[in-house]
C-alpha atoms as a PDB file:
ATOM      1  CA  UNK A   1      63.696-130.802  91.236  1.00  0.00           C
ATOM      2  CA  UNK A   2      63.790-130.706  87.429  1.00  0.00           C
ATOM      3  CA  UNK A   3      61.263-133.524  87.348  1.00  0.00           C
ATOM      4  CA  UNK A   4      58.618-131.211  88.857  1.00  0.00           C
ATOM      5  CA  UNK A   5      59.489-128.433  86.386  1.00  0.00           C
ATOM      6  CA  UNK A   6      59.221-130.893  83.510  1.00  0.00           C
ATOM      7  CA  UNK A   7      55.890-132.205  84.793  1.00  0.00           C
ATOM      8  CA  UNK A   8      54.613-128.625  84.982  1.00  0.00           C
ATOM      9  CA  UNK A   9      55.697-127.995  81.392  1.00  0.00           C
ATOM     10  CA  UNK A  10      53.850-131.099  80.252  1.00  0.00           C
ATOM     11  CA  UNK A  11      50.717-130.109  82.199  1.00  0.00           C
ATOM     12  CA  UNK A  12      50.784-126.638  80.688  1.00  0.00           C
ATOM     13  CA  UNK A  13      51.318-128.084  77.199  1.00  0.00           C
ATOM     14  CA  UNK A  14      48.397-130.483  77.612  1.00  0.00           C
ATOM     15  CA  UNK A  15      46.173-127.686  78.916  1.00  0.00           C
ATOM     16  CA  UNK A  16      47.041-125.421  75.991  1.00  0.00           C
ATOM     17  CA  UNK A  17      46.408-128.236  73.516  1.00  0.00           C
ATOM     18  CA  UNK A  18      43.040-128.941  75.172  1.00  0.00           C
ATOM     19  CA  UNK A  19      42.174-125.248  74.993  1.00  0.00           C
ATOM     20  CA  UNK A  20      42.901-125.197  71.248  1.00  0.00           C
ATOM     21  CA  UNK A  21      40.561-128.140  70.707  1.00  0.00           C
ATOM     22  CA  UNK A  22      37.881-126.568  72.895  1.00  0.00           C
ATOM     23  CA  UNK A  23      38.125-123.303  70.970  1.00  0.00           C
ATOM     24  CA  UNK A  24      37.885-125.131  67.640  1.00  0.00           C
ATOM     25  CA  UNK A  25      34.651-126.752  68.765  1.00  0.00           C
ATOM     26  CA  UNK A  26      33.366-123.519  70.300  1.00  0.00           C
ATOM     27  CA  UNK A  27      33.934-121.748  66.984  1.00  0.00           C
ATOM     28  CA  UNK A  28      31.721-124.333  65.294  1.00  0.00           C
ATOM     29  CA  UNK A  29      29.070-124.059  68.000  1.00  0.00           C
ATOM     30  CA  UNK A  30      29.149-120.258  68.286  1.00  0.00           C
ATOM     31  CA  UNK A  31      26.008-118.441  67.238  1.00  0.00           C
ATOM     32  CA  UNK A  32      27.569-115.153  66.156  1.00  0.00           C
ATOM     33  CA  UNK A  33      30.717-113.707  64.607  1.00  0.00           C
ATOM     34  CA  UNK A  34      31.879-111.918  67.760  1.00  0.00           C
ATOM     35  CA  UNK A  35      32.020-115.225  69.648  1.00  0.00           C
ATOM     36  CA  UNK A  36      33.836-116.902  66.765  1.00  0.00           C
ATOM     37  CA  UNK A  37      36.329-114.031  66.669  1.00  0.00           C
ATOM     38  CA  UNK A  38      36.939-114.326  70.407  1.00  0.00           C
ATOM     39  CA  UNK A  39      37.502-118.084  70.234  1.00  0.00           C
ATOM     40  CA  UNK A  40      39.740-117.635  67.219  1.00  0.00           C
ATOM     41  CA  UNK A  41      41.903-115.138  69.101  1.00  0.00           C
ATOM     42  CA  UNK A  42      42.124-117.425  72.140  1.00  0.00           C
ATOM     43  CA  UNK A  43      43.048-120.346  69.870  1.00  0.00           C
ATOM     44  CA  UNK A  44      45.864-118.320  68.246  1.00  0.00           C
ATOM     45  CA  UNK A  45      47.199-117.337  71.675  1.00  0.00           C
ATOM     46  CA  UNK A  46      47.138-120.938  72.857  1.00  0.00           C
ATOM     47  CA  UNK A  47      48.929-122.069  69.702  1.00  0.00           C
ATOM     48  CA  UNK A  48      51.675-119.534  70.495  1.00  0.00           C
ATOM     49  CA  UNK A  49      51.872-120.877  74.035  1.00  0.00           C
ATOM     50  CA  UNK A  50      52.186-124.413  72.669  1.00  0.00           C
ATOM     51  CA  UNK A  51      55.169-123.349  70.575  1.00  0.00           C
ATOM     52  CA  UNK A  52      56.742-121.594  73.568  1.00  0.00           C
ATOM     53  CA  UNK A  53      56.280-124.671  75.735  1.00  0.00           C
ATOM     54  CA  UNK A  54      57.686-126.993  73.075  1.00  0.00           C
ATOM     55  CA  UNK A  55      60.719-124.724  72.741  1.00  0.00           C
ATOM     56  CA  UNK A  56      61.249-124.793  76.490  1.00  0.00           C
ATOM     57  CA  UNK A  57      60.953-128.584  76.532  1.00  0.00           C
ATOM     58  CA  UNK A  58      63.535-128.793  73.733  1.00  0.00           C
ATOM     59  CA  UNK A  59      65.820-126.484  75.709  1.00  0.00           C
ATOM     60  CA  UNK A  60      65.510-128.707  78.776  1.00  0.00           C
ATOM     61  CA  UNK A  61      66.358-131.721  76.630  1.00  0.00           C
ATOM     62  CA  UNK A  62      69.397-129.971  75.131  1.00  0.00           C
ATOM     63  CA  UNK A  63      70.577-129.056  78.652  1.00  0.00           C
ATOM     64  CA  UNK A  64      70.066-132.646  79.903  1.00  0.00           C
ATOM     65  CA  UNK A  65      67.392-131.434  82.295  1.00  0.00           C
ATOM     66  CA  UNK A  66      64.664-133.608  80.824  1.00  0.00           C
ATOM     67  CA  UNK A  67      63.852-136.952  82.376  1.00  0.00           C
ATOM     68  CA  UNK A  68      60.461-137.762  80.846  1.00  0.00           C
END
């Protein structure tokens, strides 16, 4: 069962990392400051989620619940 939980953590981590990259590019492509501000806020949120996910992965590893 932990394998599925770990796979979900990795999927969520990859998605958040992709979102950060997409927001970085969107900030470059944006045509006004309000769009850039929105993408910047989303990027910051995703970066927080990345840290949360990495912490959870570390916790799983410390508890010997990580098999990836």
